Structure formats: C-alpha cells, structure tokens
PDB file of N, CA and C in Angstrom:
ATOM      1  N   MET A   1     -62.384 -19.917   3.872  1.00  0.00           N
ATOM      2  CA  MET A   1     -61.908 -18.632   3.469  1.00  0.00           C
ATOM      3  C   MET A   1     -62.906 -17.043   3.520  1.00  0.00           C
ATOM      4  N   ILE A   2     -62.721 -16.235   3.526  1.00  0.00           N
ATOM      5  CA  ILE A   2     -63.260 -14.716   4.061  1.00  0.00           C
ATOM      6  C   ILE A   2     -64.075 -14.901   2.475  1.00  0.00           C
ATOM      7  N   PRO A   3     -65.488 -14.434   2.800  1.00  0.00           N
ATOM      8  CA  PRO A   3     -66.544 -14.499   1.835  1.00  0.00           C
ATOM      9  C   PRO A   3     -65.557 -13.467   0.744  1.00  0.00           C
ATOM     10  N   ILE A   4     -65.116 -12.352   0.795  1.00  0.00           N
ATOM     11  CA  ILE A   4     -64.327 -10.800   0.881  1.00  0.00           C
ATOM     12  C   ILE A   4     -63.214 -11.179  -0.594  1.00  0.00           C
ATOM     13  N   GLU A   5     -62.651 -12.225   0.251  1.00  0.00           N
ATOM     14  CA  GLU A   5     -61.141 -12.763  -0.429  1.00  0.00           C
ATOM     15  C   GLU A   5     -61.612 -13.903  -0.908  1.00  0.00           C
ATOM     16  N   PHE A   6     -62.705 -14.158  -1.138  1.00  0.00           N
ATOM     17  CA  PHE A   6     -63.009 -15.177  -2.078  1.00  0.00           C
ATOM     18  C   PHE A   6     -63.754 -14.155  -3.634  1.00  0.00           C
ATOM     19  N   LEU A   7     -64.155 -13.219  -3.456  1.00  0.00           N
ATOM     20  CA  LEU A   7     -65.036 -12.350  -4.481  1.00  0.00           C
ATOM     21  C   LEU A   7     -63.386 -11.619  -4.739  1.00  0.00           C
ATOM     22  N   ARG A   8     -62.707 -11.162  -4.276  1.00  0.00           N
ATOM     23  CA  ARG A   8     -61.699 -10.875  -5.011  1.00  0.00           C
ATOM     24  C   ARG A   8     -60.748 -11.606  -5.370  1.00  0.00           C
ATOM     25  N   GLN A   9     -60.647 -12.914  -5.390  1.00  0.00           N
ATOM     26  CA  GLN A   9     -59.121 -13.752  -6.059  1.00  0.00           C
ATOM     27  C   GLN A   9     -59.928 -13.590  -7.496  1.00  0.00           C
ATOM     28  N   PHE A  10     -60.853 -13.442  -8.106  1.00  0.00           N
ATOM     29  CA  PHE A  10     -61.123 -13.305  -9.893  1.00  0.00           C
ATOM     30  C   PHE A  10     -60.614 -11.720 -10.337  1.00  0.00           C
ATOM     31  N   ARG A  11     -59.712 -11.885 -10.763  1.00  0.00           N
ATOM     32  CA  ARG A  11     -58.548 -10.763 -11.784  1.00  0.00           C
ATOM     33  C   ARG A  11     -59.040 -10.520 -13.216  1.00  0.00           C
ATOM     34  N   PHE A  12     -58.448  -9.462 -13.375  1.00  0.00           N
ATOM     35  CA  PHE A  12     -58.228  -9.484 -14.868  1.00  0.00           C
ATOM     36  C   PHE A  12     -56.959  -8.294 -15.124  1.00  0.00           C
ATOM     37  N   GLY A  13     -55.924  -8.915 -15.790  1.00  0.00           N
ATOM     38  CA  GLY A  13     -54.822  -8.272 -15.833  1.00  0.00           C
ATOM     39  C   GLY A  13     -54.158  -7.525 -14.419  1.00  0.00           C
ATOM     40  N   GLY A  14     -54.508  -8.558 -13.780  1.00  0.00           N
ATOM     41  CA  GLY A  14     -53.643  -8.201 -12.550  1.00  0.00           C
ATOM     42  C   GLY A  14     -55.166  -7.754 -10.825  1.00  0.00           C
ATOM     43  N   TYR A  15     -55.939  -6.490 -11.325  1.00  0.00           N
ATOM     44  CA  TYR A  15     -56.839  -6.281 -10.210  1.00  0.00           C
ATOM     45  C   TYR A  15     -57.924  -6.543  -9.955  1.00  0.00           C
ATOM     46  N   ALA A  16     -58.843  -6.551  -8.932  1.00  0.00           N
ATOM     47  CA  ALA A  16     -59.848  -7.697  -9.070  1.00  0.00           C
ATOM     48  C   ALA A  16     -61.017  -7.328  -9.196  1.00  0.00           C
ATOM     49  N   ILE A  17     -61.756  -7.858 -10.255  1.00  0.00           N
ATOM     50  CA  ILE A  17     -62.854  -7.556 -10.839  1.00  0.00           C
ATOM     51  C   ILE A  17     -64.116  -7.085  -9.826  1.00  0.00           C
ATOM     52  N   PHE A  18     -63.707  -7.550  -8.021  1.00  0.00           N
ATOM     53  CA  PHE A  18     -65.008  -7.476  -7.567  1.00  0.00           C
ATOM     54  C   PHE A  18     -64.815  -6.006  -7.096  1.00  0.00           C
ATOM     55  N   ASP A  19     -63.636  -5.824  -7.336  1.00  0.00           N
ATOM     56  CA  ASP A  19     -63.298  -3.522  -6.331  1.00  0.00           C
ATOM     57  C   ASP A  19     -63.831  -3.253  -7.751  1.00  0.00           C
ATOM     58  N   PHE A  20     -63.540  -3.190  -8.931  1.00  0.00           N
ATOM     59  CA  PHE A  20     -63.940  -2.320  -9.934  1.00  0.00           C
ATOM     60  C   PHE A  20     -65.916  -1.912 -10.128  1.00  0.00           C
ATOM     61  N   ALA A  21     -66.449  -3.666  -9.309  1.00  0.00           N
ATOM     62  CA  ALA A  21     -67.750  -3.688  -9.708  1.00  0.00           C
ATOM     63  C   ALA A  21     -68.639  -2.817  -8.305  1.00  0.00           C
ATOM     64  N   ALA A  22     -67.795  -2.876  -7.606  1.00  0.00           N
ATOM     65  CA  ALA A  22     -68.005  -2.258  -6.038  1.00  0.00           C
ATOM     66  C   ALA A  22     -67.704  -0.705  -6.560  1.00  0.00           C
ATOM     67  N   VAL A  23     -66.506  -0.211  -7.322  1.00  0.00           N
ATOM     68  CA  VAL A  23     -67.086   1.280  -7.436  1.00  0.00           C
ATOM     69  C   VAL A  23     -67.914   1.543  -8.257  1.00  0.00           C
ATOM     70  N   PHE A  24     -67.513   1.557  -9.378  1.00  0.00           N
ATOM     71  CA  PHE A  24     -68.593   1.344 -10.656  1.00  0.00           C
ATOM     72  C   PHE A  24     -70.225   1.826  -9.798  1.00  0.00           C
ATOM     73  N   ILE A  25     -70.569   0.572  -9.231  1.00  0.00           N
ATOM     74  CA  ILE A  25     -72.035   0.729  -8.441  1.00  0.00           C
ATOM     75  C   ILE A  25     -71.741   1.735  -7.705  1.00  0.00           C
ATOM     76  N   GLY A  26     -71.262   1.877  -6.726  1.00  0.00           N
ATOM     77  CA  GLY A  26     -71.019   2.998  -5.766  1.00  0.00           C
ATOM     78  C   GLY A  26     -71.298   3.915  -6.411  1.00  0.00           C
ATOM     79  N   MET A  27     -70.306   4.654  -7.425  1.00  0.00           N
ATOM     80  CA  MET A  27     -70.217   5.797  -7.907  1.00  0.00           C
ATOM     81  C   MET A  27     -71.708   5.646  -8.143  1.00  0.00           C
ATOM     82  N   TYR A  28     -72.355   4.931  -9.189  1.00  0.00           N
ATOM     83  CA  TYR A  28     -73.650   5.297 -10.238  1.00  0.00           C
ATOM     84  C   TYR A  28     -74.642   4.935  -9.205  1.00  0.00           C
ATOM     85  N   LEU A  29     -74.650   4.572  -7.899  1.00  0.00           N
ATOM     86  CA  LEU A  29     -76.324   5.040  -6.791  1.00  0.00           C
ATOM     87  C   LEU A  29     -75.402   6.286  -6.126  1.00  0.00           C
ATOM     88  N   LEU A  30     -74.070   6.611  -5.541  1.00  0.00           N
ATOM     89  CA  LEU A  30     -74.106   8.354  -5.176  1.00  0.00           C
ATOM     90  C   LEU A  30     -73.953   9.191  -6.161  1.00  0.00           C
ATOM     91  N   SER A  31     -73.951   8.977  -7.649  1.00  0.00           N
ATOM     92  CA  SER A  31     -73.667  10.337  -8.318  1.00  0.00           C
ATOM     93  C   SER A  31     -75.118  11.141  -8.291  1.00  0.00           C
ATOM     94  N   PRO A  32     -76.054  10.779  -8.023  1.00  0.00           N
ATOM     95  CA  PRO A  32     -77.029  11.713  -7.500  1.00  0.00           C
ATOM     96  C   PRO A  32     -77.037  12.764  -6.432  1.00  0.00           C
ATOM     97  N   LEU A  33     -76.671  12.357  -5.319  1.00  0.00           N
ATOM     98  CA  LEU A  33     -76.185  12.517  -4.448  1.00  0.00           C
ATOM     99  C   LEU A  33     -74.863  14.037  -5.028  1.00  0.00           C
ATOM    100  N   LEU A  34     -73.938  13.409  -4.937  1.00  0.00           N
ATOM    101  CA  LEU A  34     -72.813  14.313  -5.310  1.00  0.00           C
ATOM    102  C   LEU A  34     -73.385  15.671  -6.609  1.00  0.00           C
ATOM    103  N   SER A  35     -73.935  14.935  -7.166  1.00  0.00           N
ATOM    104  CA  SER A  35     -74.576  15.973  -8.215  1.00  0.00           C
ATOM    105  C   SER A  35     -75.035  17.521  -7.590  1.00  0.00           C
ATOM    106  N   LYS A  36     -76.114  16.909  -6.946  1.00  0.00           N
ATOM    107  CA  LYS A  36     -76.927  17.820  -6.078  1.00  0.00           C
ATOM    108  C   LYS A  36     -75.777  18.452  -5.076  1.00  0.00           C
ATOM    109  N   LEU A  37     -74.584  17.954  -4.658  1.00  0.00           N
ATOM    110  CA  LEU A  37     -74.128  18.334  -3.443  1.00  0.00           C
ATOM    111  C   LEU A  37     -72.984  19.814  -4.621  1.00  0.00           C
ATOM    112  N   PHE A  38     -72.628  18.989  -5.306  1.00  0.00           N
ATOM    113  CA  PHE A  38     -72.034  20.464  -6.111  1.00  0.00           C
ATOM    114  C   PHE A  38     -72.541  21.293  -6.709  1.00  0.00           C
ATOM    115  N   ALA A  39     -73.925  20.890  -7.025  1.00  0.00           N
ATOM    116  CA  ALA A  39     -74.891  21.962  -7.690  1.00  0.00           C
ATOM    117  C   ALA A  39     -74.955  23.023  -6.660  1.00  0.00           C
ATOM    118  N   LYS A  40     -74.776  22.688  -5.228  1.00  0.00           N
ATOM    119  CA  LYS A  40     -75.236  24.086  -4.125  1.00  0.00           C
ATOM    120  C   LYS A  40     -73.901  24.732  -4.355  1.00  0.00           C
ATOM    121  N   ILE A  41     -72.637  24.275  -4.823  1.00  0.00           N
ATOM    122  CA  ILE A  41     -71.986  25.181  -4.682  1.00  0.00           C
ATOM    123  C   ILE A  41     -72.026  25.580  -6.260  1.00  0.00           C
ATOM    124  N   ARG A  42     -72.567  25.647  -7.103  1.00  0.00           N
ATOM    125  CA  ARG A  42     -72.446  26.337  -8.077  1.00  0.00           C
ATOM    126  C   ARG A  42     -71.534  25.520  -9.225  1.00  0.00           C
ATOM    127  N   ILE A  43     -71.510  24.358  -9.203  1.00  0.00           N
ATOM    128  CA  ILE A  43     -70.918  23.561 -10.597  1.00  0.00           C
ATOM    129  C   ILE A  43     -71.546  22.630 -10.906  1.00  0.00           C
ATOM    130  N   ASN A  44     -71.691  22.332 -11.899  1.00  0.00           N
ATOM    131  CA  ASN A  44     -72.765  21.193 -12.521  1.00  0.00           C
ATOM    132  C   ASN A  44     -71.784  20.295 -13.341  1.00  0.00           C
ATOM    133  N   ILE A  45     -71.753  19.017 -12.109  1.00  0.00           N
ATOM    134  CA  ILE A  45     -71.394  17.476 -12.486  1.00  0.00           C
ATOM    135  C   ILE A  45     -72.726  16.642 -13.395  1.00  0.00           C
ATOM    136  N   PRO A  46     -72.335  16.657 -14.396  1.00  0.00           N
ATOM    137  CA  PRO A  46     -73.361  15.586 -14.948  1.00  0.00           C
ATOM    138  C   PRO A  46     -73.662  14.105 -14.064  1.00  0.00           C
ATOM    139  N   LYS A  47     -74.332  13.508 -14.240  1.00  0.00           N
ATOM    140  CA  LYS A  47     -74.196  11.544 -13.081  1.00  0.00           C
ATOM    141  C   LYS A  47     -73.458  11.280 -14.207  1.00  0.00           C
ATOM    142  N   ARG A  48     -73.658  11.364 -15.318  1.00  0.00           N
ATOM    143  CA  ARG A  48     -72.710  10.262 -16.142  1.00  0.00           C
ATOM    144  C   ARG A  48     -71.118  10.426 -16.267  1.00  0.00           C
ATOM    145  N   ASN A  49     -71.065  11.500 -16.438  1.00  0.00           N
ATOM    146  CA  ASN A  49     -69.234  11.541 -15.945  1.00  0.00           C
ATOM    147  C   ASN A  49     -69.127  11.546 -13.806  1.00  0.00           C
ATOM    148  N   TRP A  50     -69.581  11.336 -13.620  1.00  0.00           N
ATOM    149  CA  TRP A  50     -68.751  10.531 -12.018  1.00  0.00           C
ATOM    150  C   TRP A  50     -68.779   8.999 -12.391  1.00  0.00           C
ATOM    151  N   LEU A  51     -69.073   8.238 -13.443  1.00  0.00           N
ATOM    152  CA  LEU A  51     -68.529   6.900 -13.482  1.00  0.00           C
ATOM    153  C   LEU A  51     -67.083   7.087 -14.003  1.00  0.00           C
ATOM    154  N   PHE A  52     -67.053   8.302 -14.969  1.00  0.00           N
ATOM    155  CA  PHE A  52     -65.873   8.291 -15.240  1.00  0.00           C
ATOM    156  C   PHE A  52     -64.744   8.110 -14.619  1.00  0.00           C
ATOM    157  N   LEU A  53     -64.915   9.486 -13.693  1.00  0.00           N
ATOM    158  CA  LEU A  53     -64.139  10.477 -12.512  1.00  0.00           C
ATOM    159  C   LEU A  53     -63.923   9.457 -11.394  1.00  0.00           C
ATOM    160  N   ALA A  54     -64.749   8.007 -11.652  1.00  0.00           N
ATOM    161  CA  ALA A  54     -64.202   6.915 -10.439  1.00  0.00           C
ATOM    162  C   ALA A  54     -63.161   6.394 -10.307  1.00  0.00           C
ATOM    163  N   LEU A  55     -62.596   6.048 -11.366  1.00  0.00           N
ATOM    164  CA  LEU A  55     -60.808   5.325 -10.870  1.00  0.00           C
ATOM    165  C   LEU A  55     -60.223   6.598 -11.068  1.00  0.00           C
ATOM    166  N   PRO A  56     -59.745   7.365 -11.144  1.00  0.00           N
ATOM    167  CA  PRO A  56     -58.920   8.930 -11.198  1.00  0.00           C
ATOM    168  C   PRO A  56     -59.538   9.526  -9.501  1.00  0.00           C
ATOM    169  N   ILE A  57     -60.604   9.477  -9.419  1.00  0.00           N
ATOM    170  CA  ILE A  57     -60.488   9.657  -8.374  1.00  0.00           C
ATOM    171  C   ILE A  57     -60.020   9.040  -7.420  1.00  0.00           C
ATOM    172  N   GLY A  58     -60.427   7.902  -7.909  1.00  0.00           N
ATOM    173  CA  GLY A  58     -59.997   6.621  -6.342  1.00  0.00           C
ATOM    174  C   GLY A  58     -58.484   6.492  -6.341  1.00  0.00           C
ATOM    175  N   ILE A  59     -57.892   7.166  -7.423  1.00  0.00           N
ATOM    176  CA  ILE A  59     -56.211   6.859  -7.370  1.00  0.00           C
ATOM    177  C   ILE A  59     -55.568   8.257  -6.774  1.00  0.00           C
ATOM    178  N   LEU A  60     -56.361   9.432  -6.857  1.00  0.00           N
ATOM    179  CA  LEU A  60     -56.027  10.488  -6.472  1.00  0.00           C
ATOM    180  C   LEU A  60     -56.194  10.371  -4.763  1.00  0.00           C
ATOM    181  N   THR A  61     -57.572   9.362  -4.020  1.00  0.00           N
ATOM    182  CA  THR A  61     -58.471   9.413  -2.752  1.00  0.00           C
ATOM    183  C   THR A  61     -56.928   8.295  -1.872  1.00  0.00           C
ATOM    184  N   HIS A  62     -56.071   7.523  -3.068  1.00  0.00           N
ATOM    185  CA  HIS A  62     -55.235   6.384  -2.578  1.00  0.00           C
ATOM    186  C   HIS A  62     -53.657   7.245  -2.539  1.00  0.00           C
ATOM    187  N   LEU A  63     -53.528   7.829  -2.964  1.00  0.00           N
ATOM    188  CA  LEU A  63     -52.645   8.649  -2.783  1.00  0.00           C
ATOM    189  C   LEU A  63     -52.687   9.434  -1.724  1.00  0.00           C
ATOM    190  N   LEU A  64     -53.461  10.251  -1.156  1.00  0.00           N
ATOM    191  CA  LEU A  64     -53.457  11.447  -0.636  1.00  0.00           C
ATOM    192  C   LEU A  64     -53.624  10.445   0.975  1.00  0.00           C
ATOM    193  N   VAL A  65     -54.345   9.359   0.817  1.00  0.00           N
ATOM    194  CA  VAL A  65     -53.973   8.980   2.095  1.00  0.00           C
ATOM    195  C   VAL A  65     -52.515   7.513   2.197  1.00  0.00           C
ATOM    196  N   GLY A  66     -52.056   7.445   2.013  1.00  0.00           N
ATOM    197  CA  GLY A  66     -51.167   6.927   1.788  1.00  0.00           C
ATOM    198  C   GLY A  66     -50.811   5.806   1.582  1.00  0.00           C
ATOM    199  N   LYS A  67     -52.786   4.939   0.863  1.00  0.00           N
ATOM    200  CA  LYS A  67     -52.713   3.554   0.729  1.00  0.00           C
ATOM    201  C   LYS A  67     -52.275   3.232  -0.755  1.00  0.00           C
ATOM    202  N   ILE A  68     -51.311   2.498  -0.609  1.00  0.00           N
ATOM    203  CA  ILE A  68     -50.923   2.039  -2.210  1.00  0.00           C
ATOM    204  C   ILE A  68     -51.275   0.835  -2.591  1.00  0.00           C
ATOM    205  N   THR A  69     -52.203   0.950  -3.423  1.00  0.00           N
ATOM    206  CA  THR A  69     -53.296  -0.273  -4.303  1.00  0.00           C
ATOM    207  C   THR A  69     -51.967  -0.955  -5.443  1.00  0.00           C
ATOM    208  N   PRO A  70     -52.817  -2.191  -6.392  1.00  0.00           N
ATOM    209  CA  PRO A  70     -51.459  -2.388  -6.509  1.00  0.00           C
ATOM    210  C   PRO A  70     -51.815  -1.321  -8.222  1.00  0.00           C
ATOM    211  N   MET A  71     -53.091  -0.635  -8.513  1.00  0.00           N
ATOM    212  CA  MET A  71     -53.138   0.766  -9.661  1.00  0.00           C
ATOM    213  C   MET A  71     -52.516   1.713  -9.353  1.00  0.00           C
ATOM    214  N   THR A  72     -52.736   2.186  -7.781  1.00  0.00           N
ATOM    215  CA  THR A  72     -52.090   3.411  -7.893  1.00  0.00           C
ATOM    216  C   THR A  72     -50.382   3.205  -7.937  1.00  0.00           C
ATOM    217  N   ARG A  73     -49.676   1.986  -7.884  1.00  0.00           N
ATOM    218  CA  ARG A  73     -48.411   0.932  -7.715  1.00  0.00           C
ATOM    219  C   ARG A  73     -47.950   1.770  -9.556  1.00  0.00           C
ATOM    220  N   ASP A  74     -49.019   1.025  -9.917  1.00  0.00           N
ATOM    221  CA  ASP A  74     -48.993   0.736 -11.539  1.00  0.00           C
ATOM    222  C   ASP A  74     -48.968   2.413 -12.452  1.00  0.00           C
ATOM    223  N   PHE A  75     -50.245   3.063 -11.734  1.00  0.00           N
ATOM    224  CA  PHE A  75     -50.067   4.563 -12.153  1.00  0.00           C
ATOM    225  C   PHE A  75     -49.218   5.280 -11.886  1.00  0.00           C
ATOM    226  N   MET A  76     -48.363   5.383 -10.755  1.00  0.00           N
ATOM    227  CA  MET A  76     -47.325   6.100 -10.519  1.00  0.00           C
ATOM    228  C   MET A  76     -45.728   5.826 -10.941  1.00  0.00           C
ATOM    229  N   ASP A  77     -45.086   4.418 -11.401  1.00  0.00           N
ATOM    230  CA  ASP A  77     -44.541   4.146 -11.794  1.00  0.00           C
ATOM    231  C   ASP A  77     -44.527   4.334 -13.346  1.00  0.00           C
ATOM    232  N   ILE A  78     -43.032   4.926 -13.222  1.00  0.00           N
ATOM    233  CA  ILE A  78     -42.556   5.873 -14.558  1.00  0.00           C
ATOM    234  C   ILE A  78     -42.263   5.335 -15.632  1.00  0.00           C
ATOM    235  N   HIS A  79     -41.663   3.526 -15.486  1.00  0.00           N
ATOM    236  CA  HIS A  79     -41.078   3.202 -16.393  1.00  0.00           C
ATOM    237  C   HIS A  79     -42.170   2.293 -17.263  1.00  0.00           C
ATOM    238  N   SER A  80     -43.495   1.885 -17.109  1.00  0.00           N
ATOM    239  CA  SER A  80     -43.905   0.897 -17.038  1.00  0.00           C
ATOM    240  C   SER A  80     -46.098   1.417 -16.958  1.00  0.00           C
ATOM    241  N   HIS A  81     -46.514   0.617 -17.410  1.00  0.00           N
ATOM    242  CA  HIS A  81     -48.061   0.164 -17.607  1.00  0.00           C
ATOM    243  C   HIS A  81     -48.560   1.440 -17.776  1.00  0.00           C
ATOM    244  N   TYR A  82     -48.345   2.134 -19.250  1.00  0.00           N
ATOM    245  CA  TYR A  82     -48.575   3.201 -20.279  1.00  0.00           C
ATOM    246  C   TYR A  82     -50.228   3.323 -20.689  1.00  0.00           C
ATOM    247  N   ILE A  83     -50.522   1.685 -20.906  1.00  0.00           N
ATOM    248  CA  ILE A  83     -52.132   1.745 -20.942  1.00  0.00           C
ATOM    249  C   ILE A  83     -52.668   2.125 -20.080  1.00  0.00           C
ATOM    250  N   LEU A  84     -52.682   2.178 -18.997  1.00  0.00           N
ATOM    251  CA  LEU A  84     -53.410   2.360 -18.149  1.00  0.00           C
ATOM    252  C   LEU A  84     -52.992   3.355 -17.459  1.00  0.00           C
ATOM    253  N   LYS A  85     -52.506   4.615 -17.766  1.00  0.00           N
ATOM    254  CA  LYS A  85     -51.687   5.693 -17.729  1.00  0.00           C
ATOM    255  C   LYS A  85     -52.452   7.056 -18.571  1.00  0.00           C
ATOM    256  N   ILE A  86     -53.050   6.273 -19.973  1.00  0.00           N
ATOM    257  CA  ILE A  86     -53.620   6.915 -21.114  1.00  0.00           C
ATOM    258  C   ILE A  86     -54.871   6.607 -20.628  1.00  0.00           C
ATOM    259  N   LEU A  87     -55.746   5.499 -19.970  1.00  0.00           N
ATOM    260  CA  LEU A  87     -56.980   5.185 -20.071  1.00  0.00           C
ATOM    261  C   LEU A  87     -57.372   5.979 -18.568  1.00  0.00           C
ATOM    262  N   ILE A  88     -56.517   6.518 -17.749  1.00  0.00           N
ATOM    263  CA  ILE A  88     -57.014   6.655 -16.348  1.00  0.00           C
ATOM    264  C   ILE A  88     -56.869   8.397 -17.024  1.00  0.00           C
ATOM    265  N   VAL A  89     -56.041   8.877 -17.343  1.00  0.00           N
ATOM    266  CA  VAL A  89     -55.876  10.867 -18.485  1.00  0.00           C
ATOM    267  C   VAL A  89     -57.125  10.824 -19.034  1.00  0.00           C
ATOM    268  N   GLY A  90     -57.333   9.559 -20.102  1.00  0.00           N
ATOM    269  CA  GLY A  90     -58.783   9.920 -20.799  1.00  0.00           C
ATOM    270  C   GLY A  90     -59.844   9.705 -19.733  1.00  0.00           C
ATOM    271  N   LEU A  91     -59.983   9.147 -18.673  1.00  0.00           N
ATOM    272  CA  LEU A  91     -61.561   9.040 -18.517  1.00  0.00           C
ATOM    273  C   LEU A  91     -61.115  10.198 -17.485  1.00  0.00           C
ATOM    274  N   LEU A  92     -60.319  10.523 -17.105  1.00  0.00           N
ATOM    275  CA  LEU A  92     -60.225  12.366 -16.574  1.00  0.00           C
ATOM    276  C   LEU A  92     -60.653  13.057 -17.452  1.00  0.00           C
ATOM    277  N   ILE A  93     -60.842  13.190 -19.197  1.00  0.00           N
ATOM    278  CA  ILE A  93     -60.477  14.504 -19.946  1.00  0.00           C
ATOM    279  C   ILE A  93     -61.647  14.235 -19.960  1.00  0.00           C
ATOM    280  N   LEU A  94     -62.932  12.686 -19.968  1.00  0.00           N
ATOM    281  CA  LEU A  94     -63.590  12.285 -20.239  1.00  0.00           C
ATOM    282  C   LEU A  94     -65.008  12.623 -19.299  1.00  0.00           C
ATOM    283  N   GLY A  95     -64.760  12.719 -17.787  1.00  0.00           N
ATOM    284  CA  GLY A  95     -65.507  13.197 -16.688  1.00  0.00           C
ATOM    285  C   GLY A  95     -65.537  14.961 -16.561  1.00  0.00           C
ATOM    286  N   LEU A  96     -64.149  15.491 -17.043  1.00  0.00           N
ATOM    287  CA  LEU A  96     -64.099  16.843 -16.678  1.00  0.00           C
ATOM    288  C   LEU A  96     -65.011  17.482 -17.964  1.00  0.00           C
ATOM    289  N   ARG A  97     -64.785  16.830 -19.258  1.00  0.00           N
ATOM    290  CA  ARG A  97     -65.731  17.421 -20.028  1.00  0.00           C
ATOM    291  C   ARG A  97     -66.891  18.091 -20.241  1.00  0.00           C
ATOM    292  N   GLY A  98     -68.118  17.486 -19.423  1.00  0.00           N
ATOM    293  CA  GLY A  98     -69.243  18.234 -19.373  1.00  0.00           C
ATOM    294  C   GLY A  98     -69.804  19.254 -18.145  1.00  0.00           C
ATOM    295  N   VAL A  99     -68.333  19.137 -16.994  1.00  0.00           N
ATOM    296  CA  VAL A  99     -68.397  19.862 -16.156  1.00  0.00           C
ATOM    297  C   VAL A  99     -68.263  21.664 -16.040  1.00  0.00           C
ATOM    298  N   LYS A 100     -69.917  22.275 -15.938  1.00  0.00           N
ATOM    299  CA  LYS A 100     -69.669  24.015 -15.686  1.00  0.00           C
ATOM    300  C   LYS A 100     -69.896  24.096 -14.270  1.00  0.00           C
ATOM    301  N   ILE A 101     -69.833  25.909 -14.844  1.00  0.00           N
ATOM    302  CA  ILE A 101     -69.958  26.354 -13.561  1.00  0.00           C
ATOM    303  C   ILE A 101     -70.543  27.434 -13.704  1.00  0.00           C
ATOM    304  N   ILE A 102     -72.156  26.798 -13.037  1.00  0.00           N
ATOM    305  CA  ILE A 102     -73.523  27.719 -13.388  1.00  0.00           C
ATOM    306  C   ILE A 102     -72.921  29.042 -12.449  1.00  0.00           C
ATOM    307  N   LYS A 103     -73.725  29.849 -13.097  1.00  0.00           N
ATOM    308  CA  LYS A 103     -73.218  31.790 -13.403  1.00  0.00           C
ATOM    309  C   LYS A 103     -74.469  32.274 -12.176  1.00  0.00           C
ATOM    310  N   LYS A 104     -73.808  32.935 -11.570  1.00  0.00           N
ATOM    311  CA  LYS A 104     -75.148  33.127 -10.476  1.00  0.00           C
ATOM    312  C   LYS A 104     -76.321  34.303 -11.131  1.00  0.00           C
ATOM    313  N   LYS A 105     -77.600  34.331 -11.159  1.00  0.00           N
ATOM    314  CA  LYS A 105     -78.449  35.391 -11.384  1.00  0.00           C
ATOM    315  C   LYS A 105     -78.950  36.595 -10.844  1.00  0.00           C
TER     316      LYS A 105
END
C-alpha cells in the first residue's frame, strides 16, 4: 500500500484525518507569509484567522478548480449535512472577524 493511502485510511465522519492535519499544519506554516502579503495590499489578517479560514478557502478552491472532494460535495448538498454547513459558515465568520483594512497615512 502506498504510504499516503495508508495515512488517508483513518477517517472521522467520512473525512480523512490526515487531510485535516495537513491543511491546518500547512496553513499554520503559511500564515506569517500570507499575513505579510496581504499587509502589502493594506489588509490586516491576523495569523490566527488563517486557521479559521483554512476549510472555507479549501472548499472555495475545490469548487473553482472543479475537484469535488467528499467535504465539498457534502457542503454543496442542499438536503443534508447541516452541521458541516454551520461549521464552515461559523469558521468563515470567525476568520473574517479580525480582518481590518489598513488606512493610508
């Protein structure tokens, strides 16, 4: 068995735990760089907020590129998975809560 397939076989609620860990660790490592990049265009996004935005950004990205993952499929299903929808919208709100536009001096 390929190592990545072995790691992805462990699941919680139908979603691979490895994918969640990879997303949050990757976003944690990229958050200082992303905050600096957005500061150059006068948008202050605290590093902590990037962790809240990780899943909403992932779903949006998967929709834009047309790669439908199980979480994207479940989020787009209008007849079920309401807890997932509430979680993603809640994470989006928490992620956008601390965002500020830097005024020009």
